[in-house]
C-alpha atoms as a PDB file:
ATOM      1  CA  MET A   1     107.358  50.678 133.815  1.00  0.00           C
ATOM      2  CA  VAL A   2     105.579  50.112 130.504  1.00  0.00           C
ATOM      3  CA  ARG A   3     101.913  50.958 130.649  1.00  0.00           C
ATOM      4  CA  ARG A   4      99.480  48.164 129.897  1.00  0.00           C
ATOM      5  CA  ALA A   5      97.478  48.760 126.765  1.00  0.00           C
ATOM      6  CA  ARG A   6      93.813  49.490 127.374  1.00  0.00           C
ATOM      7  CA  VAL A   7      91.318  47.014 125.979  1.00  0.00           C
ATOM      8  CA  GLU A   8      88.511  49.074 124.527  1.00  0.00           C
ATOM      9  CA  ILE A   9      85.299  47.853 122.949  1.00  0.00           C
ATOM     10  CA  GLU A  10      83.427  49.640 120.170  1.00  0.00           C
ATOM     11  CA  GLY A  11      80.052  50.682 121.518  1.00  0.00           C
ATOM     12  CA  GLY A  12      81.184  49.814 125.046  1.00  0.00           C
ATOM     13  CA  LEU A  13      80.029  51.535 128.200  1.00  0.00           C
ATOM     14  CA  TYR A  14      82.712  53.041 130.463  1.00  0.00           C
ATOM     15  CA  HIS A  15      82.944  54.835 133.804  1.00  0.00           C
ATOM     16  CA  VAL A  16      85.675  57.382 133.194  1.00  0.00           C
ATOM     17  CA  TYR A  17      87.210  59.499 135.956  1.00  0.00           C
ATOM     18  CA  ASN A  18      90.302  61.424 137.002  1.00  0.00           C
ATOM     19  CA  ARG A  19      91.557  63.872 139.589  1.00  0.00           C
ATOM     20  CA  VAL A  20      93.644  67.049 139.483  1.00  0.00           C
ATOM     21  CA  ALA A  21      97.282  66.183 140.342  1.00  0.00           C
ATOM     22  CA  SER A  22      97.678  68.597 143.266  1.00  0.00           C
ATOM     23  CA  GLY A  23      94.121  68.161 144.554  1.00  0.00           C
ATOM     24  CA  GLU A  24      93.639  71.872 143.884  1.00  0.00           C
ATOM     25  CA  PRO A  25      89.945  72.744 143.515  1.00  0.00           C
ATOM     26  CA  ILE A  26      90.328  74.318 140.081  1.00  0.00           C
ATOM     27  CA  PHE A  27      86.709  73.572 139.081  1.00  0.00           C
ATOM     28  CA  SER A  28      85.417  75.630 142.005  1.00  0.00           C
ATOM     29  CA  ASP A  29      85.933  78.446 139.521  1.00  0.00           C
ATOM     30  CA  PRO A  30      82.719  78.237 137.411  1.00  0.00           C
ATOM     31  CA  GLU A  31      84.514  79.547 134.335  1.00  0.00           C
ATOM     32  CA  GLU A  32      87.048  76.673 134.477  1.00  0.00           C
ATOM     33  CA  ALA A  33      84.236  74.175 134.925  1.00  0.00           C
ATOM     34  CA  VAL A  34      82.287  75.587 132.004  1.00  0.00           C
ATOM     35  CA  GLU A  35      85.384  75.408 129.805  1.00  0.00           C
ATOM     36  CA  PHE A  36      85.946  71.766 130.730  1.00  0.00           C
ATOM     37  CA  VAL A  37      82.305  70.804 130.092  1.00  0.00           C
ATOM     38  CA  GLU A  38      82.292  72.548 126.730  1.00  0.00           C
ATOM     39  CA  ILE A  39      85.367  70.547 125.643  1.00  0.00           C
ATOM     40  CA  ILE A  40      83.537  67.345 126.666  1.00  0.00           C
ATOM     41  CA  ARG A  41      80.483  68.510 124.690  1.00  0.00           C
ATOM     42  CA  GLU A  42      82.571  69.161 121.567  1.00  0.00           C
ATOM     43  CA  THR A  43      84.314  65.799 121.874  1.00  0.00           C
ATOM     44  CA  LYS A  44      81.029  63.966 122.390  1.00  0.00           C
ATOM     45  CA  LYS A  45      79.741  65.367 119.115  1.00  0.00           C
ATOM     46  CA  ARG A  46      82.990  64.754 117.233  1.00  0.00           C
ATOM     47  CA  ASP A  47      83.404  61.143 118.404  1.00  0.00           C
ATOM     48  CA  GLY A  48      79.755  60.085 118.477  1.00  0.00           C
ATOM     49  CA  TRP A  49      79.536  59.368 122.226  1.00  0.00           C
ATOM     50  CA  ASN A  50      76.401  58.901 124.311  1.00  0.00           C
ATOM     51  CA  VAL A  51      76.707  60.324 127.831  1.00  0.00           C
ATOM     52  CA  LEU A  52      74.573  58.572 130.452  1.00  0.00           C
ATOM     53  CA  ALA A  53      75.819  60.492 133.488  1.00  0.00           C
ATOM     54  CA  TRP A  54      78.398  63.160 134.359  1.00  0.00           C
ATOM     55  CA  CYS A  55      79.607  65.306 137.211  1.00  0.00           C
ATOM     56  CA  VAL A  56      82.443  67.811 137.525  1.00  0.00           C
ATOM     57  CA  MET A  57      83.484  68.290 141.142  1.00  0.00           C
ATOM     58  CA  SER A  58      85.991  70.796 142.528  1.00  0.00           C
ATOM     59  CA  ASN A  59      89.060  68.667 141.809  1.00  0.00           C
ATOM     60  CA  HIS A  60      87.839  65.643 139.838  1.00  0.00           C
ATOM     61  CA  TYR A  61      85.248  64.463 137.328  1.00  0.00           C
ATOM     62  CA  HIS A  62      83.107  61.423 136.501  1.00  0.00           C
ATOM     63  CA  LEU A  63      81.694  60.447 133.075  1.00  0.00           C
ATOM     64  CA  VAL A  64      79.581  57.453 132.048  1.00  0.00           C
ATOM     65  CA  ILE A  65      80.081  57.112 128.307  1.00  0.00           C
ATOM     66  CA  ARG A  66      79.054  54.755 125.502  1.00  0.00           C
ATOM     67  CA  THR A  67      81.567  55.021 122.712  1.00  0.00           C
ATOM     68  CA  SER A  68      81.145  54.750 118.952  1.00  0.00           C
ATOM     69  CA  THR A  69      83.538  53.489 116.310  1.00  0.00           C
ATOM     70  CA  VAL A  70      86.075  56.087 117.487  1.00  0.00           C
ATOM     71  CA  PRO A  71      88.049  54.593 120.418  1.00  0.00           C
ATOM     72  CA  LEU A  72      87.600  56.100 123.866  1.00  0.00           C
ATOM     73  CA  TRP A  73      91.283  57.043 124.261  1.00  0.00           C
ATOM     74  CA  ARG A  74      91.152  59.538 121.369  1.00  0.00           C
ATOM     75  CA  GLY A  75      88.397  61.579 122.954  1.00  0.00           C
ATOM     76  CA  MET A  76      89.750  61.432 126.478  1.00  0.00           C
ATOM     77  CA  HIS A  77      93.256  62.387 125.274  1.00  0.00           C
ATOM     78  CA  ARG A  78      91.739  65.399 123.570  1.00  0.00           C
ATOM     79  CA  ILE A  79      89.688  66.451 126.599  1.00  0.00           C
ATOM     80  CA  GLN A  80      92.459  66.224 129.189  1.00  0.00           C
ATOM     81  CA  ASN A  81      95.270  67.594 127.035  1.00  0.00           C
ATOM     82  CA  LEU A  82      93.251  70.491 125.506  1.00  0.00           C
ATOM     83  CA  PHE A  83      91.962  71.615 128.889  1.00  0.00           C
ATOM     84  CA  SER A  84      95.384  71.243 130.510  1.00  0.00           C
ATOM     85  CA  ARG A  85      97.111  73.315 127.802  1.00  0.00           C
ATOM     86  CA  ARG A  86      94.523  76.064 128.026  1.00  0.00           C
ATOM     87  CA  PHE A  87      94.522  76.090 131.827  1.00  0.00           C
ATOM     88  CA  ASN A  88      98.303  76.229 132.011  1.00  0.00           C
ATOM     89  CA  LYS A  89      98.402  79.099 129.504  1.00  0.00           C
ATOM     90  CA  ARG A  90      95.753  81.061 131.396  1.00  0.00           C
ATOM     91  CA  HIS A  91      97.482  80.662 134.750  1.00  0.00           C
ATOM     92  CA  GLY A  92     101.123  80.757 133.596  1.00  0.00           C
ATOM     93  CA  ARG A  93     101.898  77.302 134.916  1.00  0.00           C
ATOM     94  CA  THR A  94     103.737  74.282 133.494  1.00  0.00           C
ATOM     95  CA  GLY A  95     103.671  70.565 134.029  1.00  0.00           C
ATOM     96  CA  SER A  96     100.947  67.944 134.189  1.00  0.00           C
ATOM     97  CA  LEU A  97      97.555  69.094 135.438  1.00  0.00           C
ATOM     98  CA  TRP A  98      96.114  65.627 136.016  1.00  0.00           C
ATOM     99  CA  GLN A  99      97.009  63.037 138.631  1.00  0.00           C
ATOM    100  CA  SER A 100      97.501  60.406 135.916  1.00  0.00           C
ATOM    101  CA  ARG A 101      96.035  59.264 132.634  1.00  0.00           C
ATOM    102  CA  TYR A 102      92.300  58.863 132.971  1.00  0.00           C
ATOM    103  CA  LYS A 103      90.767  55.784 134.592  1.00  0.00           C
ATOM    104  CA  ALA A 104      88.254  53.826 132.538  1.00  0.00           C
ATOM    105  CA  LYS A 105      86.196  50.941 133.943  1.00  0.00           C
ATOM    106  CA  TYR A 106      84.246  48.865 131.461  1.00  0.00           C
ATOM    107  CA  VAL A 107      80.623  48.424 132.454  1.00  0.00           C
ATOM    108  CA  GLU A 108      78.979  45.133 131.553  1.00  0.00           C
ATOM    109  CA  ASP A 109      76.336  44.572 134.194  1.00  0.00           C
ATOM    110  CA  GLU A 110      72.903  46.191 133.867  1.00  0.00           C
ATOM    111  CA  SER A 111      72.263  46.547 137.608  1.00  0.00           C
ATOM    112  CA  TYR A 112      75.714  48.042 138.165  1.00  0.00           C
ATOM    113  CA  LEU A 113      75.113  50.630 135.435  1.00  0.00           C
ATOM    114  CA  GLY A 114      72.007  51.886 137.164  1.00  0.00           C
ATOM    115  CA  ARG A 115      73.812  52.200 140.511  1.00  0.00           C
ATOM    116  CA  LEU A 116      76.698  53.928 138.734  1.00  0.00           C
ATOM    117  CA  VAL A 117      74.411  56.578 137.230  1.00  0.00           C
ATOM    118  CA  LEU A 118      73.027  57.274 140.719  1.00  0.00           C
ATOM    119  CA  TYR A 119      76.496  57.335 142.211  1.00  0.00           C
ATOM    120  CA  VAL A 120      77.737  59.935 139.707  1.00  0.00           C
ATOM    121  CA  HIS A 121      74.703  62.194 140.008  1.00  0.00           C
ATOM    122  CA  LEU A 122      74.700  61.982 143.841  1.00  0.00           C
ATOM    123  CA  ASN A 123      78.397  62.894 144.071  1.00  0.00           C
ATOM    124  CA  PRO A 124      77.717  66.548 145.103  1.00  0.00           C
ATOM    125  CA  VAL A 125      75.356  65.349 147.884  1.00  0.00           C
ATOM    126  CA  ASP A 126      77.805  62.712 149.148  1.00  0.00           C
ATOM    127  CA  ALA A 127      80.552  65.370 149.177  1.00  0.00           C
ATOM    128  CA  GLY A 128      78.367  67.775 151.179  1.00  0.00           C
ATOM    129  CA  VAL A 129      78.397  70.582 148.611  1.00  0.00           C
ATOM    130  CA  ALA A 130      74.649  70.332 147.897  1.00  0.00           C
ATOM    131  CA  GLU A 131      71.597  69.044 149.767  1.00  0.00           C
ATOM    132  CA  LYS A 132      69.895  67.980 146.531  1.00  0.00           C
ATOM    133  CA  PRO A 133      71.639  67.001 143.299  1.00  0.00           C
ATOM    134  CA  GLU A 134      69.484  69.438 141.274  1.00  0.00           C
ATOM    135  CA  GLU A 135      71.113  72.285 143.230  1.00  0.00           C
ATOM    136  CA  TYR A 136      74.495  71.440 141.735  1.00  0.00           C
ATOM    137  CA  VAL A 137      75.040  73.034 138.352  1.00  0.00           C
ATOM    138  CA  PHE A 138      77.847  70.885 136.966  1.00  0.00           C
ATOM    139  CA  GLY A 139      76.145  67.500 136.822  1.00  0.00           C
ATOM    140  CA  GLY A 140      73.724  65.544 134.677  1.00  0.00           C
ATOM    141  CA  HIS A 141      70.855  65.246 137.147  1.00  0.00           C
ATOM    142  CA  ARG A 142      69.593  68.781 136.431  1.00  0.00           C
ATOM    143  CA  GLU A 143      69.412  67.846 132.732  1.00  0.00           C
ATOM    144  CA  ILE A 144      67.286  64.808 133.413  1.00  0.00           C
ATOM    145  CA  LYS A 145      64.964  67.022 135.490  1.00  0.00           C
ATOM    146  CA  ARG A 146      64.830  69.401 132.441  1.00  0.00           C
ATOM    147  CA  ARG A 147      66.478  72.254 134.363  1.00  0.00           C
ATOM    148  CA  ALA A 148      69.242  72.863 131.828  1.00  0.00           C
ATOM    149  CA  ARG A 149      68.863  74.382 128.324  1.00  0.00           C
ATOM    150  CA  SER A 150      71.463  72.248 126.555  1.00  0.00           C
ATOM    151  CA  ALA A 151      71.838  68.726 127.897  1.00  0.00           C
ATOM    152  CA  LEU A 152      75.112  66.829 127.796  1.00  0.00           C
ATOM    153  CA  VAL A 153      73.299  63.690 128.967  1.00  0.00           C
ATOM    154  CA  ASP A 154      71.397  61.520 126.487  1.00  0.00           C
ATOM    155  CA  ILE A 155      68.355  61.412 128.692  1.00  0.00           C
ATOM    156  CA  ASP A 156      66.430  58.480 127.169  1.00  0.00           C
ATOM    157  CA  GLU A 157      69.527  56.286 127.220  1.00  0.00           C
ATOM    158  CA  THR A 158      70.044  57.081 130.860  1.00  0.00           C
ATOM    159  CA  LEU A 159      66.450  56.423 131.833  1.00  0.00           C
ATOM    160  CA  LEU A 160      66.515  53.025 130.103  1.00  0.00           C
ATOM    161  CA  CYS A 161      68.587  51.895 133.090  1.00  0.00           C
ATOM    162  CA  PHE A 162      65.502  52.372 135.233  1.00  0.00           C
ATOM    163  CA  GLY A 163      62.620  51.165 133.089  1.00  0.00           C
ATOM    164  CA  SER A 164      61.303  50.837 129.540  1.00  0.00           C
ATOM    165  CA  GLY A 165      58.727  53.651 129.456  1.00  0.00           C
ATOM    166  CA  THR A 166      59.195  57.419 129.789  1.00  0.00           C
ATOM    167  CA  LYS A 167      57.041  57.927 132.873  1.00  0.00           C
ATOM    168  CA  GLU A 168      57.954  54.648 134.560  1.00  0.00           C
ATOM    169  CA  SER A 169      61.702  55.095 134.212  1.00  0.00           C
ATOM    170  CA  ARG A 170      61.636  58.760 135.211  1.00  0.00           C
ATOM    171  CA  ARG A 171      59.675  58.007 138.397  1.00  0.00           C
ATOM    172  CA  SER A 172      62.012  55.133 139.199  1.00  0.00           C
ATOM    173  CA  TYR A 173      65.140  57.256 138.645  1.00  0.00           C
ATOM    174  CA  LEU A 174      63.841  60.207 140.651  1.00  0.00           C
ATOM    175  CA  ASN A 175      62.695  57.941 143.459  1.00  0.00           C
ATOM    176  CA  ALA A 176      66.146  56.343 143.687  1.00  0.00           C
ATOM    177  CA  ILE A 177      67.848  59.755 143.586  1.00  0.00           C
ATOM    178  CA  SER A 178      65.541  61.042 146.345  1.00  0.00           C
ATOM    179  CA  VAL A 179      66.236  58.062 148.574  1.00  0.00           C
ATOM    180  CA  GLY A 180      69.963  58.416 148.033  1.00  0.00           C
ATOM    181  CA  ALA A 181      69.935  62.185 148.742  1.00  0.00           C
ATOM    182  CA  LYS A 182      67.922  61.752 151.987  1.00  0.00           C
ATOM    183  CA  SER A 183      69.870  58.826 153.333  1.00  0.00           C
ATOM    184  CA  GLY A 184      73.307  60.018 152.302  1.00  0.00           C
ATOM    185  CA  ALA A 185      74.094  56.402 151.494  1.00  0.00           C
ATOM    186  CA  ASP A 186      76.422  55.306 148.772  1.00  0.00           C
ATOM    187  CA  ALA A 187      74.374  55.091 145.545  1.00  0.00           C
ATOM    188  CA  GLY A 188      75.976  51.782 144.777  1.00  0.00           C
ATOM    189  CA  ARG A 189      73.901  50.172 147.593  1.00  0.00           C
ATOM    190  CA  LEU A 190      70.567  51.601 146.421  1.00  0.00           C
ATOM    191  CA  SER A 191      67.844  49.608 144.681  1.00  0.00           C
ATOM    192  CA  TRP A 192      64.725  50.794 142.902  1.00  0.00           C
ATOM    193  CA  HIS A 193      61.374  49.391 141.831  1.00  0.00           C
ATOM    194  CA  PRO A 194      59.939  50.589 138.507  1.00  0.00           C
ATOM    195  CA  PHE A 195      56.272  51.565 138.487  1.00  0.00           C
ATOM    196  CA  SER A 196      54.150  49.940 135.837  1.00  0.00           C
ATOM    197  CA  SER A 197      51.957  52.077 133.584  1.00  0.00           C
ATOM    198  CA  LYS A 198      49.599  51.057 130.765  1.00  0.00           C
ATOM    199  CA  ASN A 199      49.743  54.491 129.153  1.00  0.00           C
ATOM    200  CA  ASP A 200      53.464  55.011 128.974  1.00  0.00           C
ATOM    201  CA  ASP A 201      55.513  56.055 125.939  1.00  0.00           C
ATOM    202  CA  ALA A 202      58.393  53.721 125.027  1.00  0.00           C
ATOM    203  CA  LEU A 203      61.886  55.090 125.353  1.00  0.00           C
ATOM    204  CA  GLU A 204      64.060  55.005 122.247  1.00  0.00           C
ATOM    205  CA  ILE A 205      67.782  54.449 121.752  1.00  0.00           C
ATOM    206  CA  ASP A 206      69.931  55.669 118.909  1.00  0.00           C
ATOM    207  CA  GLN A 207      69.871  52.690 116.549  1.00  0.00           C
ATOM    208  CA  ALA A 208      72.403  54.261 114.181  1.00  0.00           C
ATOM    209  CA  SER A 209      75.368  53.945 116.541  1.00  0.00           C
ATOM    210  CA  PRO A 210      77.400  50.773 116.904  1.00  0.00           C
ATOM    211  CA  LYS A 211      76.337  49.085 120.150  1.00  0.00           C
ATOM    212  CA  ILE A 212      77.523  46.334 122.450  1.00  0.00           C
ATOM    213  CA  ASP A 213      75.603  46.111 125.684  1.00  0.00           C
ATOM    214  CA  PHE A 214      72.542  44.626 127.367  1.00  0.00           C
ATOM    215  CA  LEU A 215      70.204  46.959 125.492  1.00  0.00           C
ATOM    216  CA  GLY A 216      70.363  44.714 122.416  1.00  0.00           C
ATOM    217  CA  ARG A 217      73.369  46.294 120.726  1.00  0.00           C
ATOM    218  CA  SER A 218      75.504  44.717 118.078  1.00  0.00           C
ATOM    219  CA  THR A 219      79.077  43.603 118.483  1.00  0.00           C
ATOM    220  CA  ASP A 220      82.319  45.190 117.395  1.00  0.00           C
ATOM    221  CA  LEU A 221      84.144  44.469 114.176  1.00  0.00           C
ATOM    222  CA  GLU A 222      87.299  42.368 114.505  1.00  0.00           C
ATOM    223  CA  ARG A 223      90.210  44.687 113.817  1.00  0.00           C
ATOM    224  CA  PRO A 224      93.519  42.776 114.048  1.00  0.00           C
ATOM    225  CA  THR A 225      96.821  44.633 114.092  1.00  0.00           C
ATOM    226  CA  LEU A 226      98.043  45.507 110.573  1.00  0.00           C
ATOM    227  CA  ASP A 227     101.440  46.682 109.438  1.00  0.00           C
ATOM    228  CA  PRO A 228     101.034  50.250 108.084  1.00  0.00           C
ATOM    229  CA  ARG A 229     102.133  49.196 104.590  1.00  0.00           C
ATOM    230  CA  VAL A 230      99.667  46.262 104.597  1.00  0.00           C
ATOM    231  CA  PHE A 231      96.944  48.583 105.841  1.00  0.00           C
ATOM    232  CA  LEU A 232      97.623  51.082 103.099  1.00  0.00           C
ATOM    233  CA  ASN A 233      97.733  48.460 100.382  1.00  0.00           C
ATOM    234  CA  LEU A 234      94.409  46.911 101.477  1.00  0.00           C
ATOM    235  CA  VAL A 235      92.552  50.220 101.755  1.00  0.00           C
ATOM    236  CA  CYS A 236      93.888  51.396  98.388  1.00  0.00           C
ATOM    237  CA  GLY A 237      92.490  48.205  96.940  1.00  0.00           C
ATOM    238  CA  LEU A 238      89.075  48.855  98.460  1.00  0.00           C
ATOM    239  CA  LEU A 239      89.154  52.428  97.133  1.00  0.00           C
ATOM    240  CA  GLU A 240      90.409  51.243  93.762  1.00  0.00           C
ATOM    241  CA  VAL A 241      93.266  53.741  93.768  1.00  0.00           C
ATOM    242  CA  ASP A 242      96.926  53.131  93.058  1.00  0.00           C
ATOM    243  CA  MET A 243      99.050  53.027  96.212  1.00  0.00           C
ATOM    244  CA  ALA A 244     101.908  54.666  94.262  1.00  0.00           C
ATOM    245  CA  ILE A 245      99.662  57.640  93.386  1.00  0.00           C
ATOM    246  CA  VAL A 246      98.526  58.027  96.995  1.00  0.00           C
ATOM    247  CA  SER A 247     102.189  58.155  98.000  1.00  0.00           C
ATOM    248  CA  SER A 248     103.144  60.542  95.158  1.00  0.00           C
ATOM    249  CA  ARG A 249     102.997  64.300  94.938  1.00  0.00           C
ATOM    250  CA  VAL A 250      99.752  64.238  92.944  1.00  0.00           C
ATOM    251  CA  ARG A 251      97.291  66.771  94.347  1.00  0.00           C
ATOM    252  CA  ASP A 252      94.111  66.260  92.371  1.00  0.00           C
ATOM    253  CA  ARG A 253      90.784  66.217  94.256  1.00  0.00           C
ATOM    254  CA  GLY A 254      90.212  62.495  94.046  1.00  0.00           C
ATOM    255  CA  THR A 255      93.656  61.610  95.408  1.00  0.00           C
ATOM    256  CA  ALA A 256      93.322  64.170  98.198  1.00  0.00           C
ATOM    257  CA  ALA A 257      89.934  62.658  99.195  1.00  0.00           C
ATOM    258  CA  ALA A 258      91.424  59.155  99.176  1.00  0.00           C
ATOM    259  CA  ARG A 259      94.298  60.219 101.432  1.00  0.00           C
ATOM    260  CA  LYS A 260      91.924  61.780 103.951  1.00  0.00           C
ATOM    261  CA  LEU A 261      89.765  58.643 104.031  1.00  0.00           C
ATOM    262  CA  ILE A 262      92.779  56.386 104.465  1.00  0.00           C
ATOM    263  CA  VAL A 263      94.217  58.404 107.336  1.00  0.00           C
ATOM    264  CA  THR A 264      90.865  58.858 109.095  1.00  0.00           C
ATOM    265  CA  LEU A 265      90.101  55.148 108.929  1.00  0.00           C
ATOM    266  CA  GLY A 266      93.597  54.179 110.072  1.00  0.00           C
ATOM    267  CA  VAL A 267      93.919  56.603 112.966  1.00  0.00           C
ATOM    268  CA  GLU A 268      90.342  56.418 114.294  1.00  0.00           C
ATOM    269  CA  ARG A 269      89.583  52.713 113.913  1.00  0.00           C
ATOM    270  CA  TRP A 270      92.644  50.601 113.095  1.00  0.00           C
ATOM    271  CA  ARG A 271      95.164  51.881 115.662  1.00  0.00           C
ATOM    272  CA  GLN A 272      97.501  53.167 112.972  1.00  0.00           C
ATOM    273  CA  SER A 273      99.927  55.849 114.169  1.00  0.00           C
ATOM    274  CA  ARG A 274     100.243  59.090 112.298  1.00  0.00           C
ATOM    275  CA  THR A 275     104.002  58.641 112.026  1.00  0.00           C
ATOM    276  CA  GLY A 276     103.634  55.117 110.652  1.00  0.00           C
ATOM    277  CA  LEU A 277     101.159  56.235 108.001  1.00  0.00           C
ATOM    278  CA  ALA A 278     103.320  59.267 107.164  1.00  0.00           C
ATOM    279  CA  ARG A 279     106.293  56.951 106.588  1.00  0.00           C
ATOM    280  CA  VAL A 280     104.565  54.577 104.195  1.00  0.00           C
ATOM    281  CA  MET A 281     102.660  57.364 102.422  1.00  0.00           C
ATOM    282  CA  GLN A 282     105.874  59.389 102.207  1.00  0.00           C
ATOM    283  CA  LYS A 283     104.218  62.440 103.675  1.00  0.00           C
ATOM    284  CA  ASN A 284     104.991  64.937 106.437  1.00  0.00           C
ATOM    285  CA  PRO A 285     103.521  63.718 109.793  1.00  0.00           C
ATOM    286  CA  ASP A 286     101.955  67.180 110.277  1.00  0.00           C
ATOM    287  CA  MET A 287     100.081  66.755 107.006  1.00  0.00           C
ATOM    288  CA  VAL A 288      98.834  63.318 108.090  1.00  0.00           C
ATOM    289  CA  SER A 289      97.652  64.834 111.399  1.00  0.00           C
ATOM    290  CA  TRP A 290      95.805  67.534 109.483  1.00  0.00           C
ATOM    291  CA  TRP A 291      94.052  64.929 107.288  1.00  0.00           C
ATOM    292  CA  ALA A 292      92.975  63.038 110.466  1.00  0.00           C
ATOM    293  CA  GLY A 293      91.526  66.214 111.954  1.00  0.00           C
ATOM    294  CA  GLU A 294      89.694  67.132 108.748  1.00  0.00           C
ATOM    295  CA  GLY A 295      88.433  63.553 108.431  1.00  0.00           C
ATOM    296  CA  ALA A 296      86.985  63.676 111.953  1.00  0.00           C
ATOM    297  CA  LYS A 297      85.105  66.881 111.054  1.00  0.00           C
ATOM    298  CA  SER A 298      83.779  65.342 107.827  1.00  0.00           C
ATOM    299  CA  ARG A 299      82.630  62.213 109.661  1.00  0.00           C
ATOM    300  CA  VAL A 300      80.561  64.309 112.020  1.00  0.00           C
ATOM    301  CA  ASN A 301      79.126  66.740 109.467  1.00  0.00           C
ATOM    302  CA  ASP A 302      78.867  64.677 106.284  1.00  0.00           C
ATOM    303  CA  PRO A 303      76.644  61.527 106.376  1.00  0.00           C
ATOM    304  CA  LYS A 304      78.038  60.346 103.016  1.00  0.00           C
ATOM    305  CA  TYR A 305      81.602  60.546 104.300  1.00  0.00           C
ATOM    306  CA  ALA A 306      80.647  58.669 107.475  1.00  0.00           C
ATOM    307  CA  SER A 307      78.923  56.008 105.380  1.00  0.00           C
ATOM    308  CA  GLU A 308      81.980  55.598 103.185  1.00  0.00           C
ATOM    309  CA  LEU A 309      84.145  55.192 106.300  1.00  0.00           C
ATOM    310  CA  ASP A 310      81.825  52.432 107.559  1.00  0.00           C
ATOM    311  CA  ARG A 311      81.959  50.685 104.161  1.00  0.00           C
ATOM    312  CA  LEU A 312      85.740  50.748 104.103  1.00  0.00           C
ATOM    313  CA  ASP A 313      85.890  49.628 107.702  1.00  0.00           C
ATOM    314  CA  GLU A 314      83.712  46.593 107.110  1.00  0.00           C
ATOM    315  CA  GLY A 315      85.526  45.739 103.840  1.00  0.00           C
ATOM    316  CA  LEU A 316      88.914  45.955 105.520  1.00  0.00           C
ATOM    317  CA  ALA A 317      87.768  43.791 108.448  1.00  0.00           C
ATOM    318  CA  THR A 318      86.574  41.139 105.986  1.00  0.00           C
ATOM    319  CA  LYS A 319      89.891  41.146 104.136  1.00  0.00           C
ATOM    320  CA  ALA A 320      92.002  41.170 107.292  1.00  0.00           C
ATOM    321  CA  ALA A 321      90.062  38.192 108.717  1.00  0.00           C
ATOM    322  CA  LYS A 322      91.096  36.031 105.775  1.00  0.00           C
ATOM    323  CA  MET A 323      94.837  36.759 106.214  1.00  0.00           C
ATOM    324  CA  THR A 324      97.352  34.959 108.349  1.00  0.00           C
ATOM    325  CA  GLU A 325      99.095  36.815 111.149  1.00  0.00           C
ATOM    326  CA  ALA A 326     102.310  36.857 109.162  1.00  0.00           C
ATOM    327  CA  GLU A 327     100.555  38.452 106.220  1.00  0.00           C
ATOM    328  CA  ARG A 328      98.942  41.086 108.453  1.00  0.00           C
ATOM    329  CA  LEU A 329     102.273  42.077 109.960  1.00  0.00           C
ATOM    330  CA  GLY A 330     104.038  42.198 106.595  1.00  0.00           C
END
């Protein structure tokens, strides 16, 4: 059966989860759990995610993520595949580690998001492995309570689900968690009532990231499907470089920089395959993969590079919007 393509929204909020194929409690080993969390942490930084809640249980995990311009599937593919390869190598095993590809549920309702955060952070209590969620190491609740040195959770973004001020939202969140932990009820049935406070500091969200939710975030760019050759031609035009030179054996610094930008933009934002780009650029697919990897690093570490990617992205979206479907598909 052919898998249905996922519909992913730039800046969208997702509940992501999956289970180990055999049900084996591999994350009961703290070293395995730490390895998995560190891969998530690296991917979050690389792909510009915001994490609102997380929990790694003995044989499954939950993440509540807001994506950036990089599609969710790229990060999740990296997390599951990288951990699986390392785990199999460490334990001399073969085959798939996960039950299936990850599950991703798009979150578009504000009240549901708050209940979801509670559900994820109360998972250890509901499973009977901890009396209080702060007793469980591999979850985001400890971070919100400031009991962890390096937080994976973006705390202010999480607390915005429970109120607009720092004190108000924290009290509301902790009250809801406490009620859930004592009652043992499903967090999805809980409700909470924010306290009002005149002397309360306003919470802030990251205004630099692309956003599309009920916290006043902007919408996604329209990115229609483009034939690889059409994509390459349009981006070369925006960069003011000759497509023939990009596809040649020229190795000067400017051409190398253009190739990396083209591949990064195509792979990360325009659903271009590495093999398709390699074919039209007349390059080895491994080289194209390397450019994509280097481009991802530059996007994270170099603000000028990230800004240039955004400029090209917007310019390409404008050009593509003016084309007919036949022109886009070559």
